[in-house]
Amino acid sequence: MSFLKIKDPKKRDLIVEEFLKTKKNIQDSFITERLGDISAQRELSKFLKPVTDTQKDIKESLVKEIKPVTEGIRQLPAVIAFPQLPAIAEALEEEDEDDEEGVMRVGKIAQ
């Protein structure tokens, strides 16, 4: 906002003063709101401390129980190859070759 466009010096001073007051009020209300939020957060943390402490204890116990499981999983071989029966492997390959786009295969019951 340009205050220089206002020709009357008294009016300009009045508008600038109002602008500065408004700016100061906005800053003060923002600071008050922030401090209010912080104090509300402190009050909530005091009020909910038993719940959060209990949850923290439960989390720590679960981590202790899960830790051996995760270590066991990490020790498994990187790649586990399952043997496939030759007939099943051939049938799977044939299905891949026979599939045509736009053709839907249905079973005996659906036919």
PDB file of N, CA and C in Angstrom:
ATOM      1  N   MET A   1       0.850  -1.167   0.000  1.00  0.00           N
ATOM      2  CA  MET A   1       0.000   0.000   0.000  1.00  0.00           C
ATOM      3  C   MET A   1       0.897   1.231   0.000  1.00  0.00           C
ATOM      4  N   SER A   2       0.603   2.109  -0.870  1.00  0.00           N
ATOM      5  CA  SER A   2       1.405   3.317  -0.967  1.00  0.00           C
ATOM      6  C   SER A   2       0.675   4.469  -0.275  1.00  0.00           C
ATOM      7  N   PHE A   3       1.293   4.980   0.762  1.00  0.00           N
ATOM      8  CA  PHE A   3       0.718   6.104   1.483  1.00  0.00           C
ATOM      9  C   PHE A   3       1.101   7.435   0.847  1.00  0.00           C
ATOM     10  N   LEU A   4       1.995   7.409  -0.085  1.00  0.00           N
ATOM     11  CA  LEU A   4       2.447   8.641  -0.735  1.00  0.00           C
ATOM     12  C   LEU A   4       1.403   9.215  -1.681  1.00  0.00           C
ATOM     13  N   LYS A   5       0.460   8.392  -2.113  1.00  0.00           N
ATOM     14  CA  LYS A   5      -0.566   8.865  -3.038  1.00  0.00           C
ATOM     15  C   LYS A   5      -1.602   9.737  -2.342  1.00  0.00           C
ATOM     16  N   ILE A   6      -1.636   9.695  -1.000  1.00  0.00           N
ATOM     17  CA  ILE A   6      -2.587  10.509  -0.256  1.00  0.00           C
ATOM     18  C   ILE A   6      -2.017  11.922  -0.147  1.00  0.00           C
ATOM     19  N   LYS A   7      -2.755  12.879  -0.656  1.00  0.00           N
ATOM     20  CA  LYS A   7      -2.258  14.255  -0.743  1.00  0.00           C
ATOM     21  C   LYS A   7      -2.355  15.000   0.592  1.00  0.00           C
ATOM     22  N   ASP A   8      -3.413  14.763   1.341  1.00  0.00           N
ATOM     23  CA  ASP A   8      -3.619  15.476   2.603  1.00  0.00           C
ATOM     24  C   ASP A   8      -2.698  14.890   3.682  1.00  0.00           C
ATOM     25  N   PRO A   9      -1.770  15.672   4.257  1.00  0.00           N
ATOM     26  CA  PRO A   9      -0.820  15.149   5.241  1.00  0.00           C
ATOM     27  C   PRO A   9      -1.483  14.670   6.530  1.00  0.00           C
ATOM     28  N   LYS A  10      -2.557  15.344   6.975  1.00  0.00           N
ATOM     29  CA  LYS A  10      -3.235  14.922   8.203  1.00  0.00           C
ATOM     30  C   LYS A  10      -3.915  13.568   8.003  1.00  0.00           C
ATOM     31  N   LYS A  11      -4.575  13.438   6.873  1.00  0.00           N
ATOM     32  CA  LYS A  11      -5.264  12.183   6.567  1.00  0.00           C
ATOM     33  C   LYS A  11      -4.243  11.055   6.400  1.00  0.00           C
ATOM     34  N   ARG A  12      -3.151  11.364   5.739  1.00  0.00           N
ATOM     35  CA  ARG A  12      -2.088  10.369   5.538  1.00  0.00           C
ATOM     36  C   ARG A  12      -1.519   9.913   6.878  1.00  0.00           C
ATOM     37  N   ASP A  13      -1.247  10.854   7.782  1.00  0.00           N
ATOM     38  CA  ASP A  13      -0.719  10.496   9.100  1.00  0.00           C
ATOM     39  C   ASP A  13      -1.713   9.628   9.871  1.00  0.00           C
ATOM     40  N   LEU A  14      -2.996   9.968   9.760  1.00  0.00           N
ATOM     41  CA  LEU A  14      -4.039   9.199  10.440  1.00  0.00           C
ATOM     42  C   LEU A  14      -4.109   7.765   9.892  1.00  0.00           C
ATOM     43  N   ILE A  15      -4.057   7.625   8.593  1.00  0.00           N
ATOM     44  CA  ILE A  15      -4.127   6.301   7.963  1.00  0.00           C
ATOM     45  C   ILE A  15      -2.885   5.476   8.293  1.00  0.00           C
ATOM     46  N   VAL A  16      -1.724   6.106   8.287  1.00  0.00           N
ATOM     47  CA  VAL A  16      -0.491   5.398   8.626  1.00  0.00           C
ATOM     48  C   VAL A  16      -0.537   4.935  10.078  1.00  0.00           C
ATOM     49  N   GLU A  17      -1.054   5.795  10.958  1.00  0.00           N
ATOM     50  CA  GLU A  17      -1.159   5.437  12.379  1.00  0.00           C
ATOM     51  C   GLU A  17      -2.113   4.254  12.577  1.00  0.00           C
ATOM     52  N   GLU A  18      -3.246   4.287  11.895  1.00  0.00           N
ATOM     53  CA  GLU A  18      -4.203   3.178  11.975  1.00  0.00           C
ATOM     54  C   GLU A  18      -3.582   1.893  11.427  1.00  0.00           C
ATOM     55  N   PHE A  19      -2.859   2.031  10.343  1.00  0.00           N
ATOM     56  CA  PHE A  19      -2.195   0.867   9.753  1.00  0.00           C
ATOM     57  C   PHE A  19      -1.203   0.252  10.735  1.00  0.00           C
ATOM     58  N   LEU A  20      -0.395   1.082  11.377  1.00  0.00           N
ATOM     59  CA  LEU A  20       0.593   0.582  12.330  1.00  0.00           C
ATOM     60  C   LEU A  20      -0.064  -0.055  13.553  1.00  0.00           C
ATOM     61  N   LYS A  21      -1.186   0.523  14.013  1.00  0.00           N
ATOM     62  CA  LYS A  21      -1.924  -0.064  15.129  1.00  0.00           C
ATOM     63  C   LYS A  21      -2.472  -1.441  14.749  1.00  0.00           C
ATOM     64  N   THR A  22      -3.040  -1.524  13.566  1.00  0.00           N
ATOM     65  CA  THR A  22      -3.593  -2.788  13.097  1.00  0.00           C
ATOM     66  C   THR A  22      -2.503  -3.847  12.969  1.00  0.00           C
ATOM     67  N   LYS A  23      -1.374  -3.440  12.420  1.00  0.00           N
ATOM     68  CA  LYS A  23      -0.242  -4.368  12.273  1.00  0.00           C
ATOM     69  C   LYS A  23       0.221  -4.864  13.637  1.00  0.00           C
ATOM     70  N   LYS A  24       0.328  -3.974  14.606  1.00  0.00           N
ATOM     71  CA  LYS A  24       0.757  -4.334  15.960  1.00  0.00           C
ATOM     72  C   LYS A  24      -0.251  -5.282  16.613  1.00  0.00           C
ATOM     73  N   ASN A  25      -1.554  -5.013  16.432  1.00  0.00           N
ATOM     74  CA  ASN A  25      -2.596  -5.881  16.996  1.00  0.00           C
ATOM     75  C   ASN A  25      -2.532  -7.284  16.408  1.00  0.00           C
ATOM     76  N   ILE A  26      -2.299  -7.368  15.120  1.00  0.00           N
ATOM     77  CA  ILE A  26      -2.198  -8.673  14.461  1.00  0.00           C
ATOM     78  C   ILE A  26      -0.996  -9.438  15.004  1.00  0.00           C
ATOM     79  N   GLN A  27       0.132  -8.776  15.142  1.00  0.00           N
ATOM     80  CA  GLN A  27       1.329  -9.444  15.680  1.00  0.00           C
ATOM     81  C   GLN A  27       1.101  -9.897  17.112  1.00  0.00           C
ATOM     82  N   ASP A  28       0.486  -9.041  17.941  1.00  0.00           N
ATOM     83  CA  ASP A  28       0.228  -9.400  19.334  1.00  0.00           C
ATOM     84  C   ASP A  28      -0.739 -10.577  19.436  1.00  0.00           C
ATOM     85  N   SER A  29      -1.778 -10.564  18.612  1.00  0.00           N
ATOM     86  CA  SER A  29      -2.742 -11.668  18.665  1.00  0.00           C
ATOM     87  C   SER A  29      -2.102 -12.965  18.196  1.00  0.00           C
ATOM     88  N   PHE A  30      -1.225 -12.888  17.212  1.00  0.00           N
ATOM     89  CA  PHE A  30      -0.525 -14.088  16.745  1.00  0.00           C
ATOM     90  C   PHE A  30       0.353 -14.655  17.855  1.00  0.00           C
ATOM     91  N   ILE A  31       1.105 -13.777  18.524  1.00  0.00           N
ATOM     92  CA  ILE A  31       1.985 -14.225  19.613  1.00  0.00           C
ATOM     93  C   ILE A  31       1.149 -14.812  20.742  1.00  0.00           C
ATOM     94  N   THR A  32       0.050 -14.161  21.095  1.00  0.00           N
ATOM     95  CA  THR A  32      -0.826 -14.651  22.162  1.00  0.00           C
ATOM     96  C   THR A  32      -1.402 -16.013  21.801  1.00  0.00           C
ATOM     97  N   GLU A  33      -1.801 -16.152  20.549  1.00  0.00           N
ATOM     98  CA  GLU A  33      -2.352 -17.431  20.099  1.00  0.00           C
ATOM     99  C   GLU A  33      -1.308 -18.532  20.176  1.00  0.00           C
ATOM    100  N   ARG A  34      -0.096 -18.245  19.743  1.00  0.00           N
ATOM    101  CA  ARG A  34       0.981 -19.237  19.794  1.00  0.00           C
ATOM    102  C   ARG A  34       1.278 -19.639  21.228  1.00  0.00           C
ATOM    103  N   LEU A  35       1.361 -18.651  22.117  1.00  0.00           N
ATOM    104  CA  LEU A  35       1.625 -18.953  23.522  1.00  0.00           C
ATOM    105  C   LEU A  35       0.469 -19.737  24.129  1.00  0.00           C
ATOM    106  N   GLY A  36      -0.742 -19.417  23.714  1.00  0.00           N
ATOM    107  CA  GLY A  36      -1.907 -20.163  24.186  1.00  0.00           C
ATOM    108  C   GLY A  36      -1.854 -21.603  23.731  1.00  0.00           C
ATOM    109  N   ASP A  37      -1.447 -21.822  22.485  1.00  0.00           N
ATOM    110  CA  ASP A  37      -1.322 -23.184  21.963  1.00  0.00           C
ATOM    111  C   ASP A  37      -0.265 -23.966  22.724  1.00  0.00           C
ATOM    112  N   ILE A  38       0.836 -23.296  23.038  1.00  0.00           N
ATOM    113  CA  ILE A  38       1.912 -23.972  23.764  1.00  0.00           C
ATOM    114  C   ILE A  38       1.457 -24.343  25.166  1.00  0.00           C
ATOM    115  N   SER A  39       0.768 -23.426  25.836  1.00  0.00           N
ATOM    116  CA  SER A  39       0.303 -23.735  27.191  1.00  0.00           C
ATOM    117  C   SER A  39      -0.764 -24.827  27.163  1.00  0.00           C
ATOM    118  N   ALA A  40      -1.625 -24.812  26.159  1.00  0.00           N
ATOM    119  CA  ALA A  40      -2.629 -25.871  26.034  1.00  0.00           C
ATOM    120  C   ALA A  40      -1.954 -27.214  25.799  1.00  0.00           C
ATOM    121  N   GLN A  41      -0.910 -27.229  24.997  1.00  0.00           N
ATOM    122  CA  GLN A  41      -0.177 -28.465  24.742  1.00  0.00           C
ATOM    123  C   GLN A  41       0.480 -28.974  26.028  1.00  0.00           C
ATOM    124  N   ARG A  42       1.028 -28.072  26.815  1.00  0.00           N
ATOM    125  CA  ARG A  42       1.630 -28.470  28.095  1.00  0.00           C
ATOM    126  C   ARG A  42       0.586 -29.070  29.023  1.00  0.00           C
ATOM    127  N   GLU A  43      -0.569 -28.445  29.085  1.00  0.00           N
ATOM    128  CA  GLU A  43      -1.642 -28.948  29.948  1.00  0.00           C
ATOM    129  C   GLU A  43      -2.097 -30.335  29.493  1.00  0.00           C
ATOM    130  N   LEU A  44      -2.226 -30.514  28.188  1.00  0.00           N
ATOM    131  CA  LEU A  44      -2.623 -31.825  27.670  1.00  0.00           C
ATOM    132  C   LEU A  44      -1.568 -32.882  27.959  1.00  0.00           C
ATOM    133  N   SER A  45      -0.303 -32.528  27.820  1.00  0.00           N
ATOM    134  CA  SER A  45       0.749 -33.507  28.087  1.00  0.00           C
ATOM    135  C   SER A  45       0.768 -33.890  29.560  1.00  0.00           C
ATOM    136  N   LYS A  46       0.487 -32.942  30.455  1.00  0.00           N
ATOM    137  CA  LYS A  46       0.386 -33.279  31.877  1.00  0.00           C
ATOM    138  C   LYS A  46      -0.809 -34.186  32.139  1.00  0.00           C
ATOM    139  N   PHE A  47      -1.926 -33.865  31.495  1.00  0.00           N
ATOM    140  CA  PHE A  47      -3.153 -34.631  31.697  1.00  0.00           C
ATOM    141  C   PHE A  47      -3.036 -36.049  31.142  1.00  0.00           C
ATOM    142  N   LEU A  48      -2.375 -36.186  29.992  1.00  0.00           N
ATOM    143  CA  LEU A  48      -2.289 -37.483  29.312  1.00  0.00           C
ATOM    144  C   LEU A  48      -0.994 -38.231  29.607  1.00  0.00           C
ATOM    145  N   LYS A  49      -0.198 -37.762  30.522  1.00  0.00           N
ATOM    146  CA  LYS A  49       1.089 -38.390  30.835  1.00  0.00           C
ATOM    147  C   LYS A  49       0.934 -39.864  31.220  1.00  0.00           C
ATOM    148  N   PRO A  50      -0.047 -40.251  32.057  1.00  0.00           N
ATOM    149  CA  PRO A  50      -0.176 -41.683  32.376  1.00  0.00           C
ATOM    150  C   PRO A  50      -0.433 -42.551  31.137  1.00  0.00           C
ATOM    151  N   VAL A  51      -1.220 -42.041  30.223  1.00  0.00           N
ATOM    152  CA  VAL A  51      -1.534 -42.802  29.014  1.00  0.00           C
ATOM    153  C   VAL A  51      -0.293 -42.927  28.130  1.00  0.00           C
ATOM    154  N   THR A  52       0.415 -41.828  27.933  1.00  0.00           N
ATOM    155  CA  THR A  52       1.587 -41.876  27.063  1.00  0.00           C
ATOM    156  C   THR A  52       2.696 -42.733  27.669  1.00  0.00           C
ATOM    157  N   ASP A  53       2.839 -42.681  29.001  1.00  0.00           N
ATOM    158  CA  ASP A  53       3.846 -43.531  29.640  1.00  0.00           C
ATOM    159  C   ASP A  53       3.511 -45.011  29.471  1.00  0.00           C
ATOM    160  N   THR A  54       2.237 -45.354  29.621  1.00  0.00           N
ATOM    161  CA  THR A  54       1.807 -46.738  29.438  1.00  0.00           C
ATOM    162  C   THR A  54       2.054 -47.190  28.006  1.00  0.00           C
ATOM    163  N   GLN A  55       1.706 -46.340  27.047  1.00  0.00           N
ATOM    164  CA  GLN A  55       1.920 -46.684  25.645  1.00  0.00           C
ATOM    165  C   GLN A  55       3.404 -46.862  25.345  1.00  0.00           C
ATOM    166  N   LYS A  56       4.242 -46.062  25.954  1.00  0.00           N
ATOM    167  CA  LYS A  56       5.680 -46.171  25.747  1.00  0.00           C
ATOM    168  C   LYS A  56       6.191 -47.504  26.286  1.00  0.00           C
ATOM    169  N   ASP A  57       5.699 -47.911  27.473  1.00  0.00           N
ATOM    170  CA  ASP A  57       6.098 -49.193  28.048  1.00  0.00           C
ATOM    171  C   ASP A  57       5.652 -50.354  27.160  1.00  0.00           C
ATOM    172  N   ILE A  58       4.442 -50.278  26.654  1.00  0.00           N
ATOM    173  CA  ILE A  58       3.920 -51.336  25.776  1.00  0.00           C
ATOM    174  C   ILE A  58       4.755 -51.419  24.506  1.00  0.00           C
ATOM    175  N   LYS A  59       5.095 -50.264  23.932  1.00  0.00           N
ATOM    176  CA  LYS A  59       5.903 -50.240  22.715  1.00  0.00           C
ATOM    177  C   LYS A  59       7.257 -50.899  22.946  1.00  0.00           C
ATOM    178  N   GLU A  60       7.888 -50.558  24.062  1.00  0.00           N
ATOM    179  CA  GLU A  60       9.194 -51.136  24.359  1.00  0.00           C
ATOM    180  C   GLU A  60       9.115 -52.646  24.542  1.00  0.00           C
ATOM    181  N   SER A  61       8.067 -53.127  25.192  1.00  0.00           N
ATOM    182  CA  SER A  61       7.930 -54.576  25.378  1.00  0.00           C
ATOM    183  C   SER A  61       7.670 -55.280  24.048  1.00  0.00           C
ATOM    184  N   LEU A  62       6.874 -54.660  23.172  1.00  0.00           N
ATOM    185  CA  LEU A  62       6.616 -55.261  21.860  1.00  0.00           C
ATOM    186  C   LEU A  62       7.884 -55.309  21.018  1.00  0.00           C
ATOM    187  N   VAL A  63       8.680 -54.256  21.092  1.00  0.00           N
ATOM    188  CA  VAL A  63       9.932 -54.229  20.333  1.00  0.00           C
ATOM    189  C   VAL A  63      10.855 -55.346  20.815  1.00  0.00           C
ATOM    190  N   LYS A  64      10.901 -55.570  22.111  1.00  0.00           N
ATOM    191  CA  LYS A  64      11.743 -56.640  22.659  1.00  0.00           C
ATOM    192  C   LYS A  64      11.270 -58.007  22.191  1.00  0.00           C
ATOM    193  N   GLU A  65       9.938 -58.194  22.095  1.00  0.00           N
ATOM    194  CA  GLU A  65       9.399 -59.475  21.650  1.00  0.00           C
ATOM    195  C   GLU A  65       9.605 -59.689  20.152  1.00  0.00           C
ATOM    196  N   ILE A  66       9.511 -58.643  19.369  1.00  0.00           N
ATOM    197  CA  ILE A  66       9.602 -58.765  17.913  1.00  0.00           C
ATOM    198  C   ILE A  66      11.052 -58.847  17.447  1.00  0.00           C
ATOM    199  N   LYS A  67      11.967 -58.336  18.211  1.00  0.00           N
ATOM    200  CA  LYS A  67      13.365 -58.290  17.799  1.00  0.00           C
ATOM    201  C   LYS A  67      13.919 -59.661  17.420  1.00  0.00           C
ATOM    202  N   PRO A  68      13.708 -60.741  18.210  1.00  0.00           N
ATOM    203  CA  PRO A  68      14.221 -62.051  17.787  1.00  0.00           C
ATOM    204  C   PRO A  68      13.602 -62.535  16.474  1.00  0.00           C
ATOM    205  N   VAL A  69      12.348 -62.216  16.252  1.00  0.00           N
ATOM    206  CA  VAL A  69      11.678 -62.636  15.017  1.00  0.00           C
ATOM    207  C   VAL A  69      12.315 -61.942  13.818  1.00  0.00           C
ATOM    208  N   THR A  70      12.536 -60.653  13.932  1.00  0.00           N
ATOM    209  CA  THR A  70      13.128 -59.929  12.802  1.00  0.00           C
ATOM    210  C   THR A  70      14.561 -60.378  12.539  1.00  0.00           C
ATOM    211  N   GLU A  71      15.292 -60.678  13.599  1.00  0.00           N
ATOM    212  CA  GLU A  71      16.651 -61.180  13.401  1.00  0.00           C
ATOM    213  C   GLU A  71      16.636 -62.544  12.724  1.00  0.00           C
ATOM    214  N   GLY A  72      15.668 -63.384  13.087  1.00  0.00           N
ATOM    215  CA  GLY A  72      15.534 -64.690  12.439  1.00  0.00           C
ATOM    216  C   GLY A  72      15.215 -64.556  10.963  1.00  0.00           C
ATOM    217  N   ILE A  73      14.370 -63.604  10.638  1.00  0.00           N
ATOM    218  CA  ILE A  73      14.009 -63.387   9.231  1.00  0.00           C
ATOM    219  C   ILE A  73      15.217 -62.912   8.436  1.00  0.00           C
ATOM    220  N   ARG A  74      16.007 -62.058   9.029  1.00  0.00           N
ATOM    221  CA  ARG A  74      17.195 -61.565   8.333  1.00  0.00           C
ATOM    222  C   ARG A  74      18.213 -62.671   8.087  1.00  0.00           C
ATOM    223  N   GLN A  75      18.226 -63.680   8.927  1.00  0.00           N
ATOM    224  CA  GLN A  75      19.190 -64.761   8.774  1.00  0.00           C
ATOM    225  C   GLN A  75      18.757 -65.794   7.745  1.00  0.00           C
ATOM    226  N   LEU A  76      17.514 -65.722   7.286  1.00  0.00           N
ATOM    227  CA  LEU A  76      17.062 -66.652   6.252  1.00  0.00           C
ATOM    228  C   LEU A  76      17.860 -66.413   4.978  1.00  0.00           C
ATOM    229  N   PRO A  77      18.027 -67.444   4.193  1.00  0.00           N
ATOM    230  CA  PRO A  77      18.747 -67.239   2.930  1.00  0.00           C
ATOM    231  C   PRO A  77      18.037 -66.199   2.062  1.00  0.00           C
ATOM    232  N   ALA A  78      18.818 -65.490   1.305  1.00  0.00           N
ATOM    233  CA  ALA A  78      18.279 -64.402   0.485  1.00  0.00           C
ATOM    234  C   ALA A  78      17.261 -64.914  -0.536  1.00  0.00           C
ATOM    235  N   VAL A  79      17.558 -66.017  -1.156  1.00  0.00           N
ATOM    236  CA  VAL A  79      16.653 -66.555  -2.162  1.00  0.00           C
ATOM    237  C   VAL A  79      16.324 -67.994  -1.803  1.00  0.00           C
ATOM    238  N   ILE A  80      15.055 -68.282  -1.661  1.00  0.00           N
ATOM    239  CA  ILE A  80      14.628 -69.661  -1.404  1.00  0.00           C
ATOM    240  C   ILE A  80      13.978 -70.158  -2.684  1.00  0.00           C
ATOM    241  N   ALA A  81      14.572 -71.176  -3.270  1.00  0.00           N
ATOM    242  CA  ALA A  81      14.041 -71.732  -4.514  1.00  0.00           C
ATOM    243  C   ALA A  81      13.212 -72.959  -4.177  1.00  0.00           C
ATOM    244  N   PHE A  82      11.960 -72.938  -4.586  1.00  0.00           N
ATOM    245  CA  PHE A  82      11.090 -74.087  -4.385  1.00  0.00           C
ATOM    246  C   PHE A  82      11.144 -74.956  -5.632  1.00  0.00           C
ATOM    247  N   PRO A  83      11.328 -76.256  -5.467  1.00  0.00           N
ATOM    248  CA  PRO A  83      11.349 -77.122  -6.645  1.00  0.00           C
ATOM    249  C   PRO A  83       9.960 -77.200  -7.272  1.00  0.00           C
ATOM    250  N   GLN A  84       9.922 -77.152  -8.597  1.00  0.00           N
ATOM    251  CA  GLN A  84       8.648 -77.246  -9.292  1.00  0.00           C
ATOM    252  C   GLN A  84       8.574 -78.580 -10.001  1.00  0.00           C
ATOM    253  N   LEU A  85       7.417 -79.124  -9.976  1.00  0.00           N
ATOM    254  CA  LEU A  85       7.199 -80.359 -10.712  1.00  0.00           C
ATOM    255  C   LEU A  85       7.211 -80.047 -12.202  1.00  0.00           C
ATOM    256  N   PRO A  86       7.804 -80.929 -13.003  1.00  0.00           N
ATOM    257  CA  PRO A  86       7.883 -80.648 -14.443  1.00  0.00           C
ATOM    258  C   PRO A  86       6.518 -80.466 -15.096  1.00  0.00           C
ATOM    259  N   ALA A  87       5.534 -81.240 -14.707  1.00  0.00           N
ATOM    260  CA  ALA A  87       4.213 -81.149 -15.326  1.00  0.00           C
ATOM    261  C   ALA A  87       3.579 -79.790 -15.047  1.00  0.00           C
ATOM    262  N   ILE A  88       3.733 -79.305 -13.850  1.00  0.00           N
ATOM    263  CA  ILE A  88       3.141 -78.016 -13.495  1.00  0.00           C
ATOM    264  C   ILE A  88       3.847 -76.891 -14.253  1.00  0.00           C
ATOM    265  N   ALA A  89       5.159 -76.962 -14.338  1.00  0.00           N
ATOM    266  CA  ALA A  89       5.915 -75.931 -15.048  1.00  0.00           C
ATOM    267  C   ALA A  89       5.518 -75.896 -16.521  1.00  0.00           C
ATOM    268  N   GLU A  90       5.344 -77.079 -17.153  1.00  0.00           N
ATOM    269  CA  GLU A  90       4.956 -77.136 -18.554  1.00  0.00           C
ATOM    270  C   GLU A  90       3.549 -76.585 -18.753  1.00  0.00           C
ATOM    271  N   ALA A  91       2.641 -76.917 -17.828  1.00  0.00           N
ATOM    272  CA  ALA A  91       1.264 -76.432 -17.938  1.00  0.00           C
ATOM    273  C   ALA A  91       1.223 -74.907 -17.826  1.00  0.00           C
ATOM    274  N   LEU A  92       2.025 -74.362 -16.947  1.00  0.00           N
ATOM    275  CA  LEU A  92       2.068 -72.905 -16.802  1.00  0.00           C
ATOM    276  C   LEU A  92       2.603 -72.244 -18.063  1.00  0.00           C
ATOM    277  N   GLU A  93       3.615 -72.829 -18.665  1.00  0.00           N
ATOM    278  CA  GLU A  93       4.174 -72.271 -19.886  1.00  0.00           C
ATOM    279  C   GLU A  93       3.167 -72.329 -21.023  1.00  0.00           C
ATOM    280  N   GLU A  94       2.416 -73.442 -21.122  1.00  0.00           N
ATOM    281  CA  GLU A  94       1.414 -73.581 -22.169  1.00  0.00           C
ATOM    282  C   GLU A  94       0.313 -72.545 -22.004  1.00  0.00           C
ATOM    283  N   GLU A  95      -0.104 -72.286 -20.770  1.00  0.00           N
ATOM    284  CA  GLU A  95      -1.149 -71.294 -20.539  1.00  0.00           C
ATOM    285  C   GLU A  95      -0.682 -69.916 -20.993  1.00  0.00           C
ATOM    286  N   ASP A  96       0.567 -69.605 -20.728  1.00  0.00           N
ATOM    287  CA  ASP A  96       1.094 -68.303 -21.131  1.00  0.00           C
ATOM    288  C   ASP A  96       1.116 -68.165 -22.644  1.00  0.00           C
ATOM    289  N   GLU A  97       1.444 -69.258 -23.343  1.00  0.00           N
ATOM    290  CA  GLU A  97       1.520 -69.215 -24.802  1.00  0.00           C
ATOM    291  C   GLU A  97       0.132 -69.155 -25.420  1.00  0.00           C
ATOM    292  N   ASP A  98      -0.845 -69.842 -24.828  1.00  0.00           N
ATOM    293  CA  ASP A  98      -2.186 -69.926 -25.395  1.00  0.00           C
ATOM    294  C   ASP A  98      -3.031 -68.676 -25.132  1.00  0.00           C
ATOM    295  N   ASP A  99      -2.650 -67.881 -24.168  1.00  0.00           N
ATOM    296  CA  ASP A  99      -3.449 -66.696 -23.838  1.00  0.00           C
ATOM    297  C   ASP A  99      -3.459 -65.736 -25.014  1.00  0.00           C
ATOM    298  N   GLU A 100      -4.657 -65.370 -25.420  1.00  0.00           N
ATOM    299  CA  GLU A 100      -4.816 -64.383 -26.465  1.00  0.00           C
ATOM    300  C   GLU A 100      -5.503 -63.169 -25.868  1.00  0.00           C
ATOM    301  N   GLU A 101      -5.168 -62.051 -26.396  1.00  0.00           N
ATOM    302  CA  GLU A 101      -5.753 -60.829 -25.881  1.00  0.00           C
ATOM    303  C   GLU A 101      -7.226 -60.781 -26.256  1.00  0.00           C
ATOM    304  N   GLY A 102      -8.079 -60.473 -25.286  1.00  0.00           N
ATOM    305  CA  GLY A 102      -9.504 -60.371 -25.543  1.00  0.00           C
ATOM    306  C   GLY A 102     -10.242 -61.681 -25.383  1.00  0.00           C
ATOM    307  N   VAL A 103      -9.570 -62.797 -25.152  1.00  0.00           N
ATOM    308  CA  VAL A 103     -10.227 -64.087 -24.977  1.00  0.00           C
ATOM    309  C   VAL A 103     -10.197 -64.428 -23.496  1.00  0.00           C
ATOM    310  N   MET A 104     -11.368 -64.763 -22.988  1.00  0.00           N
ATOM    311  CA  MET A 104     -11.450 -65.099 -21.581  1.00  0.00           C
ATOM    312  C   MET A 104     -11.664 -66.600 -21.436  1.00  0.00           C
ATOM    313  N   ARG A 105     -10.832 -67.230 -20.614  1.00  0.00           N
ATOM    314  CA  ARG A 105     -10.982 -68.660 -20.388  1.00  0.00           C
ATOM    315  C   ARG A 105     -11.952 -68.873 -19.228  1.00  0.00           C
ATOM    316  N   VAL A 106     -12.847 -69.792 -19.391  1.00  0.00           N
ATOM    317  CA  VAL A 106     -13.801 -70.120 -18.328  1.00  0.00           C
ATOM    318  C   VAL A 106     -13.714 -71.614 -18.067  1.00  0.00           C
ATOM    319  N   GLY A 107     -14.105 -71.993 -16.887  1.00  0.00           N
ATOM    320  CA  GLY A 107     -14.061 -73.402 -16.506  1.00  0.00           C
ATOM    321  C   GLY A 107     -15.280 -74.143 -16.993  1.00  0.00           C
ATOM    322  N   LYS A 108     -15.372 -75.422 -16.638  1.00  0.00           N
ATOM    323  CA  LYS A 108     -16.473 -76.256 -17.099  1.00  0.00           C
ATOM    324  C   LYS A 108     -17.812 -75.780 -16.561  1.00  0.00           C
ATOM    325  N   ILE A 109     -17.820 -75.349 -15.321  1.00  0.00           N
ATOM    326  CA  ILE A 109     -19.084 -74.908 -14.724  1.00  0.00           C
ATOM    327  C   ILE A 109     -19.598 -73.654 -15.423  1.00  0.00           C
ATOM    328  N   ALA A 110     -18.716 -72.723 -15.735  1.00  0.00           N
ATOM    329  CA  ALA A 110     -19.123 -71.482 -16.385  1.00  0.00           C
ATOM    330  C   ALA A 110     -19.590 -71.713 -17.804  1.00  0.00           C
ATOM    331  N   GLN A 111     -19.054 -72.729 -18.463  1.00  0.00           N
ATOM    332  CA  GLN A 111     -19.487 -72.992 -19.845  1.00  0.00           C
ATOM    333  C   GLN A 111     -20.909 -73.503 -19.837  1.00  0.00           C
TER     334      GLN A 111
END
